Amino acid sequence: METKTKIKPLGNRVLVKKIEEQEQIKGGIIIPDAAKEASQEAEVIALGSGRNDEGKVLEFEVKVGDRVLVSKYGGTEVKRDKETLVVLRQDDILAVLG
């Protein structure tokens, strides 16, 4: 998925779009958005240059389109074109989902 506004992460950062879970219903009660936990699943939208803080170029372990598991509180949320995206360091990606 591509956003209308281009966002290019810098360095070893990755731009992801969180994958929202379907509405949860327990015992017929709809859980409000404020009570739901933030999803930790995301799709990789864009990659930075791969440079770390020392200027060394490192290869990314993920690619655009990968479905990943991200750290619960990692990254910075960015709202663009009615979408909520997250810019985070590659280290905040915990796993690639198959």
N, C-alpha and C. Protein backbone atom coordinates (compact mmCIF):
# COMPACT_ATOMS: atom_id res chain seq x y z
N MET A 1 0.85 -1.18 0.00
CA MET A 1 0.00 0.00 0.00
C MET A 1 0.89 1.23 0.00
N GLU A 2 0.54 2.19 -0.84
CA GLU A 2 1.34 3.40 -0.96
C GLU A 2 0.49 4.59 -0.56
N THR A 3 1.09 5.49 0.21
CA THR A 3 0.36 6.68 0.62
C THR A 3 0.55 7.76 -0.43
N LYS A 4 -0.36 8.73 -0.47
CA LYS A 4 -0.26 9.84 -1.41
C LYS A 4 0.93 10.72 -1.06
N THR A 5 1.16 10.97 0.22
CA THR A 5 2.29 11.76 0.67
C THR A 5 3.48 10.84 0.83
N LYS A 6 4.56 11.15 0.13
CA LYS A 6 5.76 10.30 0.21
C LYS A 6 6.47 10.56 1.54
N ILE A 7 6.80 9.49 2.24
CA ILE A 7 7.60 9.57 3.45
C ILE A 7 8.77 8.63 3.25
N LYS A 8 9.98 9.14 3.30
CA LYS A 8 11.19 8.34 3.12
C LYS A 8 11.93 8.31 4.45
N PRO A 9 11.94 7.14 5.13
CA PRO A 9 12.67 7.05 6.39
C PRO A 9 14.18 7.25 6.16
N LEU A 10 14.86 7.76 7.16
CA LEU A 10 16.30 7.98 7.08
C LEU A 10 17.05 6.90 7.86
N GLY A 11 18.29 6.68 7.48
CA GLY A 11 19.16 5.75 8.22
C GLY A 11 18.60 4.35 8.28
N ASN A 12 18.65 3.77 9.48
CA ASN A 12 18.20 2.38 9.66
C ASN A 12 16.74 2.32 10.10
N ARG A 13 15.96 3.31 9.70
CA ARG A 13 14.54 3.36 10.08
C ARG A 13 13.67 2.73 9.00
N VAL A 14 12.49 2.28 9.44
CA VAL A 14 11.54 1.59 8.59
C VAL A 14 10.18 2.26 8.79
N LEU A 15 9.43 2.44 7.71
CA LEU A 15 8.07 2.97 7.79
C LEU A 15 7.11 1.80 7.67
N VAL A 16 6.21 1.66 8.65
CA VAL A 16 5.25 0.57 8.64
C VAL A 16 3.84 1.11 8.83
N LYS A 17 2.87 0.32 8.36
CA LYS A 17 1.46 0.62 8.61
C LYS A 17 0.93 -0.48 9.50
N LYS A 18 0.40 -0.09 10.65
CA LYS A 18 -0.15 -1.08 11.59
C LYS A 18 -1.36 -1.76 10.97
N ILE A 19 -1.46 -3.05 11.18
CA ILE A 19 -2.59 -3.84 10.70
C ILE A 19 -3.58 -3.93 11.84
N GLU A 20 -4.72 -3.28 11.66
CA GLU A 20 -5.73 -3.24 12.72
C GLU A 20 -6.44 -4.58 12.82
N GLU A 21 -6.65 -5.01 14.05
CA GLU A 21 -7.37 -6.26 14.29
C GLU A 21 -8.86 -6.01 14.08
N GLN A 22 -9.58 -7.04 13.74
CA GLN A 22 -11.02 -6.93 13.56
C GLN A 22 -11.66 -6.57 14.91
N GLU A 23 -12.82 -5.94 14.85
CA GLU A 23 -13.54 -5.55 16.06
C GLU A 23 -13.72 -6.75 16.97
N GLN A 24 -13.37 -6.58 18.23
CA GLN A 24 -13.44 -7.68 19.19
C GLN A 24 -14.78 -7.66 19.92
N ILE A 25 -15.42 -8.81 19.96
CA ILE A 25 -16.68 -8.93 20.70
C ILE A 25 -16.55 -10.08 21.68
N LYS A 26 -16.76 -9.79 22.95
CA LYS A 26 -16.70 -10.82 23.98
C LYS A 26 -18.05 -10.89 24.67
N GLY A 27 -18.70 -12.01 24.53
CA GLY A 27 -20.00 -12.19 25.18
C GLY A 27 -21.03 -11.20 24.70
N GLY A 28 -20.93 -10.77 23.44
CA GLY A 28 -21.90 -9.84 22.90
C GLY A 28 -21.61 -8.39 23.22
N ILE A 29 -20.51 -8.10 23.93
CA ILE A 29 -20.17 -6.72 24.29
C ILE A 29 -19.10 -6.22 23.32
N ILE A 30 -19.36 -5.08 22.72
CA ILE A 30 -18.38 -4.49 21.81
C ILE A 30 -17.37 -3.71 22.65
N ILE A 31 -16.10 -4.02 22.43
CA ILE A 31 -15.03 -3.36 23.18
C ILE A 31 -14.70 -2.04 22.49
N PRO A 32 -14.77 -0.89 23.20
CA PRO A 32 -14.48 0.40 22.57
C PRO A 32 -13.00 0.50 22.17
N ASP A 33 -12.72 1.34 21.16
CA ASP A 33 -11.36 1.51 20.66
C ASP A 33 -10.37 1.87 21.78
N ALA A 34 -10.79 2.69 22.72
CA ALA A 34 -9.90 3.13 23.80
C ALA A 34 -9.45 1.97 24.69
N ALA A 35 -10.24 0.92 24.75
CA ALA A 35 -9.92 -0.21 25.62
C ALA A 35 -9.12 -1.30 24.89
N LYS A 36 -9.05 -1.21 23.57
CA LYS A 36 -8.32 -2.22 22.79
C LYS A 36 -6.82 -1.98 22.90
N GLU A 37 -6.07 -3.07 22.86
CA GLU A 37 -4.62 -2.96 22.83
C GLU A 37 -4.19 -2.61 21.42
N ALA A 38 -3.11 -1.85 21.30
CA ALA A 38 -2.59 -1.50 19.98
C ALA A 38 -2.06 -2.75 19.30
N SER A 39 -2.33 -2.85 18.02
CA SER A 39 -1.85 -4.00 17.25
C SER A 39 -0.33 -3.96 17.15
N GLN A 40 0.29 -5.12 17.21
CA GLN A 40 1.73 -5.20 17.07
C GLN A 40 2.11 -5.73 15.69
N GLU A 41 1.12 -6.05 14.86
CA GLU A 41 1.38 -6.50 13.51
C GLU A 41 1.36 -5.29 12.58
N ALA A 42 2.29 -5.30 11.60
CA ALA A 42 2.38 -4.17 10.68
C ALA A 42 2.91 -4.65 9.33
N GLU A 43 2.71 -3.80 8.32
CA GLU A 43 3.23 -4.07 6.99
C GLU A 43 4.31 -3.04 6.69
N VAL A 44 5.46 -3.49 6.17
CA VAL A 44 6.56 -2.59 5.83
C VAL A 44 6.18 -1.82 4.57
N ILE A 45 6.23 -0.48 4.65
CA ILE A 45 5.86 0.40 3.55
C ILE A 45 7.09 0.96 2.85
N ALA A 46 8.14 1.32 3.62
CA ALA A 46 9.35 1.91 3.03
C ALA A 46 10.54 1.67 3.95
N LEU A 47 11.73 1.67 3.35
CA LEU A 47 12.98 1.47 4.09
C LEU A 47 13.88 2.69 3.93
N GLY A 48 14.69 2.96 4.95
CA GLY A 48 15.67 4.03 4.88
C GLY A 48 16.89 3.59 4.08
N SER A 49 17.98 4.32 4.24
CA SER A 49 19.22 4.03 3.50
C SER A 49 19.99 2.84 4.08
N GLY A 50 19.73 2.51 5.34
CA GLY A 50 20.42 1.40 5.98
C GLY A 50 21.63 1.82 6.79
N ARG A 51 21.93 3.11 6.82
CA ARG A 51 23.09 3.59 7.59
C ARG A 51 22.77 3.59 9.08
N ASN A 52 23.73 3.13 9.88
CA ASN A 52 23.55 3.18 11.33
C ASN A 52 24.13 4.50 11.85
N ASP A 53 24.16 4.68 13.16
CA ASP A 53 24.62 5.94 13.77
C ASP A 53 26.09 6.24 13.48
N GLU A 54 26.88 5.22 13.19
CA GLU A 54 28.30 5.41 12.89
C GLU A 54 28.54 5.65 11.40
N GLY A 55 27.49 5.64 10.58
CA GLY A 55 27.61 5.86 9.15
C GLY A 55 27.86 4.61 8.33
N LYS A 56 27.93 3.47 8.98
CA LYS A 56 28.15 2.19 8.30
C LYS A 56 26.84 1.72 7.68
N VAL A 57 26.90 1.24 6.44
CA VAL A 57 25.69 0.75 5.77
C VAL A 57 25.45 -0.71 6.14
N LEU A 58 24.28 -0.98 6.68
CA LEU A 58 23.89 -2.33 7.06
C LEU A 58 22.72 -2.77 6.19
N GLU A 59 22.68 -4.03 5.83
CA GLU A 59 21.59 -4.55 5.02
C GLU A 59 20.35 -4.76 5.89
N PHE A 60 19.18 -4.38 5.35
CA PHE A 60 17.93 -4.59 6.07
C PHE A 60 17.57 -6.07 6.07
N GLU A 61 16.96 -6.52 7.16
CA GLU A 61 16.50 -7.90 7.26
C GLU A 61 15.05 -8.04 6.82
N VAL A 62 14.41 -6.91 6.50
CA VAL A 62 13.02 -6.91 6.03
C VAL A 62 12.98 -6.23 4.67
N LYS A 63 11.87 -6.43 3.95
CA LYS A 63 11.69 -5.76 2.66
C LYS A 63 10.28 -5.18 2.61
N VAL A 64 10.06 -4.27 1.68
CA VAL A 64 8.75 -3.65 1.52
C VAL A 64 7.73 -4.75 1.22
N GLY A 65 6.61 -4.68 1.93
CA GLY A 65 5.54 -5.68 1.76
C GLY A 65 5.55 -6.76 2.82
N ASP A 66 6.67 -6.90 3.57
CA ASP A 66 6.73 -7.91 4.64
C ASP A 66 5.73 -7.58 5.74
N ARG A 67 5.14 -8.61 6.30
CA ARG A 67 4.27 -8.49 7.48
C ARG A 67 5.16 -8.77 8.68
N VAL A 68 5.21 -7.83 9.62
CA VAL A 68 6.15 -7.94 10.74
C VAL A 68 5.46 -7.75 12.08
N LEU A 69 6.15 -8.18 13.11
CA LEU A 69 5.73 -7.97 14.50
C LEU A 69 6.63 -6.89 15.07
N VAL A 70 6.04 -5.80 15.56
CA VAL A 70 6.84 -4.68 16.04
C VAL A 70 6.73 -4.53 17.56
N SER A 71 7.73 -3.89 18.13
CA SER A 71 7.75 -3.62 19.56
C SER A 71 6.53 -2.81 19.94
N LYS A 72 5.94 -3.14 21.09
CA LYS A 72 4.69 -2.53 21.52
C LYS A 72 4.76 -1.00 21.61
N TYR A 73 5.84 -0.48 22.15
CA TYR A 73 5.93 0.97 22.36
C TYR A 73 7.02 1.61 21.51
N GLY A 74 7.51 0.90 20.49
CA GLY A 74 8.57 1.43 19.64
C GLY A 74 8.04 2.34 18.55
N GLY A 75 8.86 3.25 18.09
CA GLY A 75 8.55 4.08 16.94
C GLY A 75 7.79 5.35 17.24
N THR A 76 7.57 6.11 16.18
CA THR A 76 6.87 7.39 16.25
C THR A 76 5.72 7.36 15.26
N GLU A 77 4.51 7.62 15.75
CA GLU A 77 3.33 7.62 14.88
C GLU A 77 3.29 8.88 14.04
N VAL A 78 2.89 8.71 12.77
CA VAL A 78 2.75 9.81 11.83
C VAL A 78 1.41 9.64 11.14
N LYS A 79 0.59 10.70 11.11
CA LYS A 79 -0.71 10.62 10.43
C LYS A 79 -0.60 11.32 9.09
N ARG A 80 -0.90 10.56 8.01
CA ARG A 80 -0.86 11.09 6.65
C ARG A 80 -2.02 10.51 5.86
N ASP A 81 -2.74 11.35 5.14
CA ASP A 81 -3.82 10.90 4.27
C ASP A 81 -4.78 9.95 4.97
N LYS A 82 -5.20 10.30 6.18
CA LYS A 82 -6.15 9.52 6.98
C LYS A 82 -5.62 8.14 7.38
N GLU A 83 -4.31 7.95 7.29
CA GLU A 83 -3.68 6.69 7.72
C GLU A 83 -2.73 7.00 8.86
N THR A 84 -2.59 6.03 9.76
CA THR A 84 -1.61 6.16 10.82
C THR A 84 -0.44 5.24 10.49
N LEU A 85 0.72 5.84 10.29
CA LEU A 85 1.93 5.10 9.98
C LEU A 85 2.88 5.23 11.15
N VAL A 86 3.88 4.35 11.21
CA VAL A 86 4.85 4.39 12.30
C VAL A 86 6.25 4.33 11.70
N VAL A 87 7.11 5.25 12.12
CA VAL A 87 8.53 5.23 11.75
C VAL A 87 9.27 4.65 12.94
N LEU A 88 10.01 3.56 12.70
CA LEU A 88 10.75 2.93 13.79
C LEU A 88 12.09 2.41 13.30
N ARG A 89 12.97 2.15 14.23
CA ARG A 89 14.27 1.58 13.89
C ARG A 89 14.09 0.10 13.57
N GLN A 90 14.96 -0.41 12.71
CA GLN A 90 14.88 -1.83 12.36
C GLN A 90 14.96 -2.69 13.63
N ASP A 91 15.68 -2.23 14.65
CA ASP A 91 15.80 -2.98 15.91
C ASP A 91 14.47 -3.15 16.63
N ASP A 92 13.48 -2.28 16.33
CA ASP A 92 12.16 -2.37 16.95
C ASP A 92 11.26 -3.40 16.26
N ILE A 93 11.75 -4.00 15.16
CA ILE A 93 11.02 -5.07 14.50
C ILE A 93 11.47 -6.38 15.13
N LEU A 94 10.52 -7.11 15.70
CA LEU A 94 10.84 -8.31 16.47
C LEU A 94 10.89 -9.56 15.60
N ALA A 95 10.03 -9.62 14.55
CA ALA A 95 9.96 -10.84 13.73
C ALA A 95 9.26 -10.54 12.41
N VAL A 96 9.56 -11.35 11.41
CA VAL A 96 8.84 -11.32 10.14
C VAL A 96 7.82 -12.45 10.21
N LEU A 97 6.56 -12.11 9.93
CA LEU A 97 5.49 -13.11 9.99
C LEU A 97 5.35 -13.80 8.65
N GLY A 98 5.15 -15.11 8.67
CA GLY A 98 5.05 -15.88 7.43
C GLY A 98 3.67 -16.00 6.90
